[in-house]
Amino acid sequence: MKTKITELLKIDFPIIQAGMVWVSGWRLASAVSNCGGLGLIGAGSMKPDLLREHIQKCKSATDKPIGVNIPLLRKDANELVKVCLDEGLKIIFTSAGNPKAFTPLLKEKGCTVIHVVANLKYGLKAQEAGCDAVVGEGVEAGGHNGADQLTTFCLIPQLVDKLNIPVIAAGGIVDGRGILAALSLGAEGVQIGTRFAATVESSAHDNYKQEIVNSGDQDTTLAFKKIGLVRMMKNDFAFRAMKAEFEGWNEAQLRELLATKRERTGIFEGDLIEGELEAGQGVGLINDIPTVKDLFVRFTKEYKIAKTNLGQWNADDTD
């Protein structure tokens, strides 16, 4: 499968595994890259020394392209960038901040830079900053989302129509049908998060993975709208957060409620009561915990079946 993204990133399939906190370590990233996609190490839950360790282990486990996702709002973002450059990484995904902060430096060092955006305004800013591509992430996605709450199906065509750089679709994509749908909207690739979180190679806790499998179409919610929209699975902590917002807690109070490493507690330590269980709306389509290799085989089969069915529908319509 050839697209502008496979050519840009030198990968076989236009499938990028999202750089998720407490999920995307070197094992997951290397497994995805070895299957022909692009694996991303999620630097959002790593200090510089730990990031360096994961990059080195990932490079030892694959000779295929790998990348790192760096949330630019991190206070130590400059140190994380330095680690990536020191380790010779050439693919950097940035998110949660102004892409102008590091794009000139990264481009000067020969890196491919891709920024995550949630609306057209920021897509245009990323293009102006010199990014090579953008990830358009709809509100279906797990974790932090854009305040405008644009869905993937509405966001991607607008980005494709207005930008001159390739667009990668993210948010709610968990199978081959979703991949075909995203490419049909004009995307040159997809970024998949929650589906990869529930794989054998994911560094998340087994409790969290199983909770994804157990969840249905109504089991995620949006919370913390005052301090940065987050999609998570419904649990005791999520309901307390929503109740606090309903009761009018101010930003400082909400940050105090959130600022006790809730993501680590839920995703990495497996506390299904007190943890923040970030996950996308696609949980209702996830029913098992396969290996990454098995998942890629499944993606390919599902994509081909969906494409064949679409072709049959077109033929019938023409008749």
C-alpha atoms as a PDB file:
ATOM      1  CA  MET A   1       0.000   0.000   0.000  1.00  0.00           C
ATOM      2  CA  LYS A   2       1.575   3.250  -1.145  1.00  0.00           C
ATOM      3  CA  THR A   3       0.513   6.671   0.115  1.00  0.00           C
ATOM      4  CA  LYS A   4       2.274   9.956   0.734  1.00  0.00           C
ATOM      5  CA  ILE A   5       2.691   8.908   4.370  1.00  0.00           C
ATOM      6  CA  THR A   6       4.287   5.541   3.583  1.00  0.00           C
ATOM      7  CA  GLU A   7       6.714   7.363   1.302  1.00  0.00           C
ATOM      8  CA  LEU A   8       7.405  10.123   3.831  1.00  0.00           C
ATOM      9  CA  LEU A   9       8.038   7.713   6.707  1.00  0.00           C
ATOM     10  CA  LYS A  10       9.482   4.848   4.617  1.00  0.00           C
ATOM     11  CA  ILE A  11       7.002   2.297   5.978  1.00  0.00           C
ATOM     12  CA  ASP A  12       4.981  -0.459   4.299  1.00  0.00           C
ATOM     13  CA  PHE A  13       1.532   0.309   5.694  1.00  0.00           C
ATOM     14  CA  PRO A  14       0.046   3.771   6.413  1.00  0.00           C
ATOM     15  CA  ILE A  15      -0.572   2.752  10.014  1.00  0.00           C
ATOM     16  CA  ILE A  16       0.932   4.680  12.919  1.00  0.00           C
ATOM     17  CA  GLN A  17       0.662   3.489  16.500  1.00  0.00           C
ATOM     18  CA  ALA A  18      -0.094   6.459  18.730  1.00  0.00           C
ATOM     19  CA  GLY A  19       2.434   7.519  21.369  1.00  0.00           C
ATOM     20  CA  MET A  20       0.257   6.936  24.429  1.00  0.00           C
ATOM     21  CA  VAL A  21       1.299   7.539  28.039  1.00  0.00           C
ATOM     22  CA  TRP A  22       2.059   4.377  30.039  1.00  0.00           C
ATOM     23  CA  VAL A  23       1.218   2.253  26.980  1.00  0.00           C
ATOM     24  CA  SER A  24       3.704   2.954  24.199  1.00  0.00           C
ATOM     25  CA  GLY A  25       7.054   1.657  25.332  1.00  0.00           C
ATOM     26  CA  TRP A  26       9.809   0.119  23.229  1.00  0.00           C
ATOM     27  CA  ARG A  27       8.150  -3.304  23.002  1.00  0.00           C
ATOM     28  CA  LEU A  28       4.970  -1.978  21.425  1.00  0.00           C
ATOM     29  CA  ALA A  29       6.735   0.512  19.164  1.00  0.00           C
ATOM     30  CA  SER A  30       9.249  -2.025  17.851  1.00  0.00           C
ATOM     31  CA  ALA A  31       6.526  -4.644  17.280  1.00  0.00           C
ATOM     32  CA  VAL A  32       4.484  -2.201  15.176  1.00  0.00           C
ATOM     33  CA  SER A  33       7.508  -1.102  13.164  1.00  0.00           C
ATOM     34  CA  ASN A  34       8.554  -4.711  12.566  1.00  0.00           C
ATOM     35  CA  CYS A  35       5.109  -5.328  11.062  1.00  0.00           C
ATOM     36  CA  GLY A  36       5.547  -2.503   8.567  1.00  0.00           C
ATOM     37  CA  GLY A  37       3.782   0.324  10.381  1.00  0.00           C
ATOM     38  CA  LEU A  38       5.346   3.124  12.414  1.00  0.00           C
ATOM     39  CA  GLY A  39       5.753   2.566  16.135  1.00  0.00           C
ATOM     40  CA  LEU A  40       5.890   5.617  18.386  1.00  0.00           C
ATOM     41  CA  ILE A  41       7.365   5.735  21.871  1.00  0.00           C
ATOM     42  CA  GLY A  42       5.141   7.860  24.107  1.00  0.00           C
ATOM     43  CA  ALA A  43       7.427  10.332  25.846  1.00  0.00           C
ATOM     44  CA  GLY A  44       4.545  11.909  27.768  1.00  0.00           C
ATOM     45  CA  SER A  45       5.045   9.529  30.692  1.00  0.00           C
ATOM     46  CA  MET A  46       8.843   9.401  30.575  1.00  0.00           C
ATOM     47  CA  LYS A  47      11.677  11.419  32.027  1.00  0.00           C
ATOM     48  CA  PRO A  48      14.612  12.043  29.674  1.00  0.00           C
ATOM     49  CA  ASP A  49      16.752   9.161  30.957  1.00  0.00           C
ATOM     50  CA  LEU A  50      13.891   6.687  30.642  1.00  0.00           C
ATOM     51  CA  LEU A  51      13.104   7.930  27.141  1.00  0.00           C
ATOM     52  CA  ARG A  52      16.727   7.365  26.158  1.00  0.00           C
ATOM     53  CA  GLU A  53      16.551   3.812  27.489  1.00  0.00           C
ATOM     54  CA  HIS A  54      13.377   3.073  25.515  1.00  0.00           C
ATOM     55  CA  ILE A  55      14.815   4.529  22.302  1.00  0.00           C
ATOM     56  CA  GLN A  56      17.957   2.439  22.620  1.00  0.00           C
ATOM     57  CA  LYS A  57      16.018  -0.761  23.338  1.00  0.00           C
ATOM     58  CA  CYS A  58      13.635  -0.026  20.476  1.00  0.00           C
ATOM     59  CA  LYS A  59      16.517   0.468  18.043  1.00  0.00           C
ATOM     60  CA  SER A  60      17.969  -2.843  19.187  1.00  0.00           C
ATOM     61  CA  ALA A  61      14.643  -4.611  18.584  1.00  0.00           C
ATOM     62  CA  THR A  62      13.981  -3.304  15.051  1.00  0.00           C
ATOM     63  CA  ASP A  63      15.873  -1.938  12.083  1.00  0.00           C
ATOM     64  CA  LYS A  64      12.701  -0.294  10.760  1.00  0.00           C
ATOM     65  CA  PRO A  65      11.730   3.383  11.226  1.00  0.00           C
ATOM     66  CA  ILE A  66      10.574   4.382  14.714  1.00  0.00           C
ATOM     67  CA  GLY A  67       9.476   7.686  16.213  1.00  0.00           C
ATOM     68  CA  VAL A  68       8.695   9.481  19.454  1.00  0.00           C
ATOM     69  CA  ASN A  69       5.667  11.536  20.453  1.00  0.00           C
ATOM     70  CA  ILE A  70       6.537  14.565  22.602  1.00  0.00           C
ATOM     71  CA  PRO A  71       3.803  16.642  24.310  1.00  0.00           C
ATOM     72  CA  LEU A  72       5.160  20.176  23.949  1.00  0.00           C
ATOM     73  CA  LEU A  73       3.495  21.398  27.138  1.00  0.00           C
ATOM     74  CA  ARG A  74       5.875  19.248  29.167  1.00  0.00           C
ATOM     75  CA  LYS A  75       8.221  21.473  31.173  1.00  0.00           C
ATOM     76  CA  ASP A  76      11.121  19.294  30.101  1.00  0.00           C
ATOM     77  CA  ALA A  77      10.119  19.140  26.416  1.00  0.00           C
ATOM     78  CA  ASN A  78      13.466  20.645  25.394  1.00  0.00           C
ATOM     79  CA  GLU A  79      15.301  17.858  27.239  1.00  0.00           C
ATOM     80  CA  LEU A  80      13.129  15.198  25.585  1.00  0.00           C
ATOM     81  CA  VAL A  81      13.855  16.721  22.183  1.00  0.00           C
ATOM     82  CA  LYS A  82      17.584  16.721  22.963  1.00  0.00           C
ATOM     83  CA  VAL A  83      17.473  13.018  23.852  1.00  0.00           C
ATOM     84  CA  CYS A  84      15.785  12.231  20.530  1.00  0.00           C
ATOM     85  CA  LEU A  85      18.411  14.191  18.612  1.00  0.00           C
ATOM     86  CA  ASP A  86      21.269  12.675  20.605  1.00  0.00           C
ATOM     87  CA  GLU A  87      19.947   9.199  19.779  1.00  0.00           C
ATOM     88  CA  GLY A  88      19.676  10.015  16.079  1.00  0.00           C
ATOM     89  CA  LEU A  89      15.898   9.770  15.794  1.00  0.00           C
ATOM     90  CA  LYS A  90      14.553  11.172  12.534  1.00  0.00           C
ATOM     91  CA  ILE A  91      10.784  11.000  13.105  1.00  0.00           C
ATOM     92  CA  ILE A  92       9.218  13.226  15.762  1.00  0.00           C
ATOM     93  CA  PHE A  93       5.501  13.616  16.460  1.00  0.00           C
ATOM     94  CA  THR A  94       4.583  16.633  18.588  1.00  0.00           C
ATOM     95  CA  SER A  95       1.329  17.390  20.378  1.00  0.00           C
ATOM     96  CA  ALA A  96      -0.283  19.603  23.009  1.00  0.00           C
ATOM     97  CA  GLY A  97       1.518  22.841  22.259  1.00  0.00           C
ATOM     98  CA  ASN A  98       2.868  25.240  19.654  1.00  0.00           C
ATOM     99  CA  PRO A  99       4.723  23.394  16.864  1.00  0.00           C
ATOM    100  CA  LYS A 100       6.842  26.494  16.206  1.00  0.00           C
ATOM    101  CA  ALA A 101       8.668  25.847  19.479  1.00  0.00           C
ATOM    102  CA  PHE A 102      10.829  23.030  18.112  1.00  0.00           C
ATOM    103  CA  THR A 103      10.020  22.451  14.430  1.00  0.00           C
ATOM    104  CA  PRO A 104      12.790  24.752  13.068  1.00  0.00           C
ATOM    105  CA  LEU A 105      15.421  22.988  15.169  1.00  0.00           C
ATOM    106  CA  LEU A 106      14.138  19.525  14.302  1.00  0.00           C
ATOM    107  CA  LYS A 107      14.000  20.315  10.596  1.00  0.00           C
ATOM    108  CA  GLU A 108      17.517  21.735  10.767  1.00  0.00           C
ATOM    109  CA  LYS A 109      18.632  18.363  12.172  1.00  0.00           C
ATOM    110  CA  GLY A 110      16.986  16.497   9.300  1.00  0.00           C
ATOM    111  CA  CYS A 111      13.930  15.244  11.171  1.00  0.00           C
ATOM    112  CA  THR A 112      10.463  14.573   9.815  1.00  0.00           C
ATOM    113  CA  VAL A 113       8.052  16.483  12.054  1.00  0.00           C
ATOM    114  CA  ILE A 114       4.352  15.681  12.384  1.00  0.00           C
ATOM    115  CA  HIS A 115       2.035  17.619  14.707  1.00  0.00           C
ATOM    116  CA  VAL A 116      -1.277  16.496  16.214  1.00  0.00           C
ATOM    117  CA  VAL A 117      -4.179  18.942  15.696  1.00  0.00           C
ATOM    118  CA  ALA A 118      -7.871  18.965  16.561  1.00  0.00           C
ATOM    119  CA  ASN A 119      -9.129  21.684  14.199  1.00  0.00           C
ATOM    120  CA  LEU A 120      -8.314  23.424  10.928  1.00  0.00           C
ATOM    121  CA  LYS A 121      -6.884  26.548  12.577  1.00  0.00           C
ATOM    122  CA  TYR A 122      -4.123  24.571  14.251  1.00  0.00           C
ATOM    123  CA  GLY A 123      -3.613  22.456  11.164  1.00  0.00           C
ATOM    124  CA  LEU A 124      -2.798  25.603   9.210  1.00  0.00           C
ATOM    125  CA  LYS A 125      -0.467  26.773  11.992  1.00  0.00           C
ATOM    126  CA  ALA A 126       1.369  23.448  11.901  1.00  0.00           C
ATOM    127  CA  GLN A 127       1.777  23.771   8.145  1.00  0.00           C
ATOM    128  CA  GLU A 128       3.078  27.326   8.516  1.00  0.00           C
ATOM    129  CA  ALA A 129       5.524  26.128  11.172  1.00  0.00           C
ATOM    130  CA  GLY A 130       7.085  23.768   8.629  1.00  0.00           C
ATOM    131  CA  CYS A 131       5.614  20.441   9.739  1.00  0.00           C
ATOM    132  CA  ASP A 132       5.775  17.680   7.146  1.00  0.00           C
ATOM    133  CA  ALA A 133       2.295  16.354   7.964  1.00  0.00           C
ATOM    134  CA  VAL A 134      -0.423  16.586  10.606  1.00  0.00           C
ATOM    135  CA  VAL A 135      -2.456  14.098  12.580  1.00  0.00           C
ATOM    136  CA  GLY A 136      -6.087  15.208  12.612  1.00  0.00           C
ATOM    137  CA  GLU A 137      -7.497  13.768  15.830  1.00  0.00           C
ATOM    138  CA  GLY A 138     -11.245  13.616  16.332  1.00  0.00           C
ATOM    139  CA  VAL A 139     -12.978  13.742  19.695  1.00  0.00           C
ATOM    140  CA  GLU A 140     -13.632   9.990  19.512  1.00  0.00           C
ATOM    141  CA  ALA A 141      -9.998   9.486  20.508  1.00  0.00           C
ATOM    142  CA  GLY A 142      -8.945   8.515  23.995  1.00  0.00           C
ATOM    143  CA  GLY A 143      -6.976  10.905  26.188  1.00  0.00           C
ATOM    144  CA  HIS A 144      -6.759  14.648  25.656  1.00  0.00           C
ATOM    145  CA  ASN A 145      -8.995  16.152  22.984  1.00  0.00           C
ATOM    146  CA  GLY A 146      -9.707  19.512  21.371  1.00  0.00           C
ATOM    147  CA  ALA A 147     -12.167  21.878  23.001  1.00  0.00           C
ATOM    148  CA  ASP A 148     -14.216  22.147  19.789  1.00  0.00           C
ATOM    149  CA  GLN A 149     -15.030  18.424  19.978  1.00  0.00           C
ATOM    150  CA  LEU A 150     -14.824  17.921  16.210  1.00  0.00           C
ATOM    151  CA  THR A 151     -15.375  14.338  15.093  1.00  0.00           C
ATOM    152  CA  THR A 152     -12.927  12.518  12.860  1.00  0.00           C
ATOM    153  CA  PHE A 153     -15.465  12.254  10.044  1.00  0.00           C
ATOM    154  CA  CYS A 154     -15.922  16.052   9.972  1.00  0.00           C
ATOM    155  CA  LEU A 155     -12.338  17.094  10.754  1.00  0.00           C
ATOM    156  CA  ILE A 156     -10.362  15.056   8.228  1.00  0.00           C
ATOM    157  CA  PRO A 157     -12.040  16.272   4.994  1.00  0.00           C
ATOM    158  CA  GLN A 158     -11.636  19.890   6.093  1.00  0.00           C
ATOM    159  CA  LEU A 159      -7.938  19.396   6.772  1.00  0.00           C
ATOM    160  CA  VAL A 160      -7.483  17.566   3.460  1.00  0.00           C
ATOM    161  CA  ASP A 161      -9.256  20.350   1.546  1.00  0.00           C
ATOM    162  CA  LYS A 162      -7.251  23.214   3.059  1.00  0.00           C
ATOM    163  CA  LEU A 163      -3.750  21.862   3.732  1.00  0.00           C
ATOM    164  CA  ASN A 164      -0.949  21.206   1.288  1.00  0.00           C
ATOM    165  CA  ILE A 165       0.732  18.611   3.512  1.00  0.00           C
ATOM    166  CA  PRO A 166      -0.442  15.035   4.146  1.00  0.00           C
ATOM    167  CA  VAL A 167      -3.112  14.367   6.750  1.00  0.00           C
ATOM    168  CA  ILE A 168      -3.175  11.359   9.071  1.00  0.00           C
ATOM    169  CA  ALA A 169      -6.575  10.474  10.566  1.00  0.00           C
ATOM    170  CA  ALA A 170      -6.990   9.572  14.252  1.00  0.00           C
ATOM    171  CA  GLY A 171      -9.892   9.011  16.598  1.00  0.00           C
ATOM    172  CA  GLY A 172     -12.198   5.993  16.654  1.00  0.00           C
ATOM    173  CA  ILE A 173     -10.181   3.887  14.204  1.00  0.00           C
ATOM    174  CA  VAL A 174      -9.790   0.321  15.476  1.00  0.00           C
ATOM    175  CA  ASP A 175     -10.108  -1.993  12.457  1.00  0.00           C
ATOM    176  CA  GLY A 176      -9.627  -2.350   8.708  1.00  0.00           C
ATOM    177  CA  ARG A 177     -13.015  -0.783   7.994  1.00  0.00           C
ATOM    178  CA  GLY A 178     -11.958   2.335   9.843  1.00  0.00           C
ATOM    179  CA  ILE A 179      -8.674   2.458   7.943  1.00  0.00           C
ATOM    180  CA  LEU A 180     -10.515   2.290   4.612  1.00  0.00           C
ATOM    181  CA  ALA A 181     -12.988   4.951   5.749  1.00  0.00           C
ATOM    182  CA  ALA A 182     -10.174   7.298   6.784  1.00  0.00           C
ATOM    183  CA  LEU A 183      -8.364   6.898   3.468  1.00  0.00           C
ATOM    184  CA  SER A 184     -11.680   7.445   1.666  1.00  0.00           C
ATOM    185  CA  LEU A 185     -11.949  10.826   3.406  1.00  0.00           C
ATOM    186  CA  GLY A 186      -8.604  11.820   1.872  1.00  0.00           C
ATOM    187  CA  ALA A 187      -6.257  10.890   4.708  1.00  0.00           C
ATOM    188  CA  GLU A 188      -2.884   9.484   3.672  1.00  0.00           C
ATOM    189  CA  GLY A 189      -2.626   7.329   6.771  1.00  0.00           C
ATOM    190  CA  VAL A 190      -4.140   6.546  10.159  1.00  0.00           C
ATOM    191  CA  GLN A 191      -2.967   6.817  13.751  1.00  0.00           C
ATOM    192  CA  ILE A 192      -4.428   4.144  16.008  1.00  0.00           C
ATOM    193  CA  GLY A 193      -4.299   4.300  19.796  1.00  0.00           C
ATOM    194  CA  THR A 194      -6.780   2.349  21.917  1.00  0.00           C
ATOM    195  CA  ARG A 195      -6.693  -0.764  19.717  1.00  0.00           C
ATOM    196  CA  PHE A 196      -2.912  -0.973  20.156  1.00  0.00           C
ATOM    197  CA  ALA A 197      -3.270  -0.316  23.895  1.00  0.00           C
ATOM    198  CA  ALA A 198      -5.079  -3.655  24.161  1.00  0.00           C
ATOM    199  CA  THR A 199      -2.309  -5.798  22.698  1.00  0.00           C
ATOM    200  CA  VAL A 200       0.144  -8.214  24.244  1.00  0.00           C
ATOM    201  CA  GLU A 201       3.098  -5.867  23.670  1.00  0.00           C
ATOM    202  CA  SER A 202       1.436  -2.821  25.231  1.00  0.00           C
ATOM    203  CA  SER A 203       3.099  -1.796  28.507  1.00  0.00           C
ATOM    204  CA  ALA A 204      -0.279  -1.093  30.107  1.00  0.00           C
ATOM    205  CA  HIS A 205      -1.519  -3.171  33.039  1.00  0.00           C
ATOM    206  CA  ASP A 206      -3.560  -6.289  32.229  1.00  0.00           C
ATOM    207  CA  ASN A 207      -6.488  -4.885  34.239  1.00  0.00           C
ATOM    208  CA  TYR A 208      -6.619  -1.842  31.973  1.00  0.00           C
ATOM    209  CA  LYS A 209      -6.381  -3.957  28.814  1.00  0.00           C
ATOM    210  CA  GLN A 210      -9.193  -6.208  29.991  1.00  0.00           C
ATOM    211  CA  GLU A 211     -11.329  -3.193  30.895  1.00  0.00           C
ATOM    212  CA  ILE A 212     -11.031  -2.040  27.276  1.00  0.00           C
ATOM    213  CA  VAL A 213     -12.211  -5.476  26.129  1.00  0.00           C
ATOM    214  CA  ASN A 214     -15.106  -5.423  28.623  1.00  0.00           C
ATOM    215  CA  SER A 215     -16.297  -1.932  27.626  1.00  0.00           C
ATOM    216  CA  GLY A 216     -19.095  -1.126  25.198  1.00  0.00           C
ATOM    217  CA  ASP A 217     -20.274   1.779  23.104  1.00  0.00           C
ATOM    218  CA  GLN A 218     -21.525   3.807  26.088  1.00  0.00           C
ATOM    219  CA  ASP A 219     -18.569   3.224  28.381  1.00  0.00           C
ATOM    220  CA  THR A 220     -16.399   6.283  27.698  1.00  0.00           C
ATOM    221  CA  THR A 221     -17.025   9.882  28.669  1.00  0.00           C
ATOM    222  CA  LEU A 222     -15.505  13.354  28.362  1.00  0.00           C
ATOM    223  CA  ALA A 223     -14.350  15.023  31.569  1.00  0.00           C
ATOM    224  CA  PHE A 224     -12.228  17.949  32.785  1.00  0.00           C
ATOM    225  CA  LYS A 225     -13.642  20.315  30.188  1.00  0.00           C
ATOM    226  CA  LYS A 226     -12.362  23.341  32.133  1.00  0.00           C
ATOM    227  CA  ILE A 227      -8.730  22.233  32.204  1.00  0.00           C
ATOM    228  CA  GLY A 228      -8.272  20.133  29.071  1.00  0.00           C
ATOM    229  CA  LEU A 229     -10.859  17.746  27.688  1.00  0.00           C
ATOM    230  CA  VAL A 230     -10.090  14.082  28.403  1.00  0.00           C
ATOM    231  CA  ARG A 231     -11.894  10.994  27.086  1.00  0.00           C
ATOM    232  CA  MET A 232     -11.726   8.112  29.528  1.00  0.00           C
ATOM    233  CA  MET A 233     -13.597   4.984  30.451  1.00  0.00           C
ATOM    234  CA  LYS A 234     -16.335   5.389  33.003  1.00  0.00           C
ATOM    235  CA  ASN A 235     -15.320   4.375  36.523  1.00  0.00           C
ATOM    236  CA  ASP A 236     -15.584   5.752  40.040  1.00  0.00           C
ATOM    237  CA  PHE A 237     -12.931   8.400  39.413  1.00  0.00           C
ATOM    238  CA  ALA A 238     -14.550   9.526  36.145  1.00  0.00           C
ATOM    239  CA  PHE A 239     -17.944   9.920  37.803  1.00  0.00           C
ATOM    240  CA  ARG A 240     -16.385  11.915  40.667  1.00  0.00           C
ATOM    241  CA  ALA A 241     -14.681  14.179  38.132  1.00  0.00           C
ATOM    242  CA  MET A 242     -17.953  14.788  36.278  1.00  0.00           C
ATOM    243  CA  LYS A 243     -19.767  15.455  39.554  1.00  0.00           C
ATOM    244  CA  ALA A 244     -17.096  17.969  40.555  1.00  0.00           C
ATOM    245  CA  GLU A 245     -17.516  19.832  37.271  1.00  0.00           C
ATOM    246  CA  PHE A 246     -21.294  19.824  37.644  1.00  0.00           C
ATOM    247  CA  GLU A 247     -20.935  21.290  41.138  1.00  0.00           C
ATOM    248  CA  GLY A 248     -18.810  24.127  39.748  1.00  0.00           C
ATOM    249  CA  TRP A 249     -15.351  23.287  41.033  1.00  0.00           C
ATOM    250  CA  ASN A 250     -12.805  25.832  39.815  1.00  0.00           C
ATOM    251  CA  GLU A 251      -9.738  25.034  37.723  1.00  0.00           C
ATOM    252  CA  ALA A 252      -7.399  24.816  40.702  1.00  0.00           C
ATOM    253  CA  GLN A 253      -9.651  22.307  42.462  1.00  0.00           C
ATOM    254  CA  LEU A 254      -9.998  20.188  39.329  1.00  0.00           C
ATOM    255  CA  ARG A 255      -6.241  20.195  38.762  1.00  0.00           C
ATOM    256  CA  GLU A 256      -5.725  19.052  42.332  1.00  0.00           C
ATOM    257  CA  LEU A 257      -8.179  16.195  41.753  1.00  0.00           C
ATOM    258  CA  LEU A 258      -6.318  15.173  38.592  1.00  0.00           C
ATOM    259  CA  ALA A 259      -2.733  15.899  39.649  1.00  0.00           C
ATOM    260  CA  THR A 260      -2.120  12.716  41.632  1.00  0.00           C
ATOM    261  CA  LYS A 261      -0.773  10.627  38.744  1.00  0.00           C
ATOM    262  CA  ARG A 262      -4.214   9.324  37.876  1.00  0.00           C
ATOM    263  CA  GLU A 263      -3.085   8.153  34.428  1.00  0.00           C
ATOM    264  CA  ARG A 264      -0.288   6.035  35.881  1.00  0.00           C
ATOM    265  CA  THR A 265      -2.601   4.726  38.595  1.00  0.00           C
ATOM    266  CA  GLY A 266      -5.156   3.492  36.108  1.00  0.00           C
ATOM    267  CA  ILE A 267      -3.261   2.588  32.960  1.00  0.00           C
ATOM    268  CA  PHE A 268       0.075   1.348  34.316  1.00  0.00           C
ATOM    269  CA  GLU A 269      -0.836   0.165  37.824  1.00  0.00           C
ATOM    270  CA  GLY A 270      -4.263  -1.201  36.917  1.00  0.00           C
ATOM    271  CA  ASP A 271      -6.391   0.538  39.572  1.00  0.00           C
ATOM    272  CA  LEU A 272      -9.831   0.488  37.935  1.00  0.00           C
ATOM    273  CA  ILE A 273     -11.437   2.560  40.696  1.00  0.00           C
ATOM    274  CA  GLU A 274      -9.066   5.472  41.348  1.00  0.00           C
ATOM    275  CA  GLY A 275      -7.232   5.581  38.019  1.00  0.00           C
ATOM    276  CA  GLU A 276      -7.855   7.664  34.925  1.00  0.00           C
ATOM    277  CA  LEU A 277      -8.517   5.040  32.246  1.00  0.00           C
ATOM    278  CA  GLU A 278      -7.951   6.940  29.019  1.00  0.00           C
ATOM    279  CA  ALA A 279      -9.518   5.214  26.005  1.00  0.00           C
ATOM    280  CA  GLY A 280     -11.412   6.091  22.837  1.00  0.00           C
ATOM    281  CA  GLN A 281     -14.983   5.395  21.781  1.00  0.00           C
ATOM    282  CA  GLY A 282     -13.753   2.467  19.710  1.00  0.00           C
ATOM    283  CA  VAL A 283     -13.624   0.305  22.857  1.00  0.00           C
ATOM    284  CA  GLY A 284     -17.002  -1.111  21.848  1.00  0.00           C
ATOM    285  CA  LEU A 285     -15.322  -2.738  18.842  1.00  0.00           C
ATOM    286  CA  ILE A 286     -12.419  -4.285  20.771  1.00  0.00           C
ATOM    287  CA  ASN A 287     -13.030  -7.820  21.975  1.00  0.00           C
ATOM    288  CA  ASP A 288      -9.608  -9.355  22.590  1.00  0.00           C
ATOM    289  CA  ILE A 289      -5.922  -8.764  23.371  1.00  0.00           C
ATOM    290  CA  PRO A 290      -3.942 -10.021  20.355  1.00  0.00           C
ATOM    291  CA  THR A 291      -0.289  -9.707  19.474  1.00  0.00           C
ATOM    292  CA  VAL A 292       0.622  -6.811  17.219  1.00  0.00           C
ATOM    293  CA  LYS A 293       1.500  -9.272  14.437  1.00  0.00           C
ATOM    294  CA  ASP A 294      -1.936 -10.890  14.604  1.00  0.00           C
ATOM    295  CA  LEU A 295      -3.547  -7.461  14.654  1.00  0.00           C
ATOM    296  CA  PHE A 296      -1.785  -6.413  11.454  1.00  0.00           C
ATOM    297  CA  VAL A 297      -2.949  -9.592   9.727  1.00  0.00           C
ATOM    298  CA  ARG A 298      -6.474  -8.783  10.870  1.00  0.00           C
ATOM    299  CA  PHE A 299      -6.239  -5.173   9.707  1.00  0.00           C
ATOM    300  CA  THR A 300      -5.216  -6.347   6.237  1.00  0.00           C
ATOM    301  CA  LYS A 301      -8.056  -8.878   5.972  1.00  0.00           C
ATOM    302  CA  GLU A 302     -10.659  -6.428   7.268  1.00  0.00           C
ATOM    303  CA  TYR A 303      -9.442  -3.723   4.907  1.00  0.00           C
ATOM    304  CA  LYS A 304      -9.623  -6.021   1.889  1.00  0.00           C
ATOM    305  CA  ILE A 305     -13.099  -7.279   2.798  1.00  0.00           C
ATOM    306  CA  ALA A 306     -14.381  -3.737   3.339  1.00  0.00           C
ATOM    307  CA  LYS A 307     -12.884  -2.581   0.058  1.00  0.00           C
ATOM    308  CA  THR A 308     -14.392  -5.536  -1.800  1.00  0.00           C
ATOM    309  CA  ASN A 309     -17.800  -4.881  -0.262  1.00  0.00           C
ATOM    310  CA  LEU A 310     -17.552  -1.225  -1.211  1.00  0.00           C
ATOM    311  CA  GLY A 311     -16.659  -2.178  -4.779  1.00  0.00           C
ATOM    312  CA  GLN A 312     -19.659  -4.520  -4.948  1.00  0.00           C
ATOM    313  CA  TRP A 313     -21.909  -1.755  -3.647  1.00  0.00           C
ATOM    314  CA  ASN A 314     -20.624   0.604  -6.333  1.00  0.00           C
ATOM    315  CA  ALA A 315     -21.252  -2.000  -9.043  1.00  0.00           C
ATOM    316  CA  ASP A 316     -24.789  -2.620  -7.816  1.00  0.00           C
ATOM    317  CA  ASP A 317     -25.444   1.108  -7.658  1.00  0.00           C
ATOM    318  CA  THR A 318     -24.251   1.559 -11.235  1.00  0.00           C
ATOM    319  CA  ASP A 319     -26.544  -1.212 -12.432  1.00  0.00           C
END
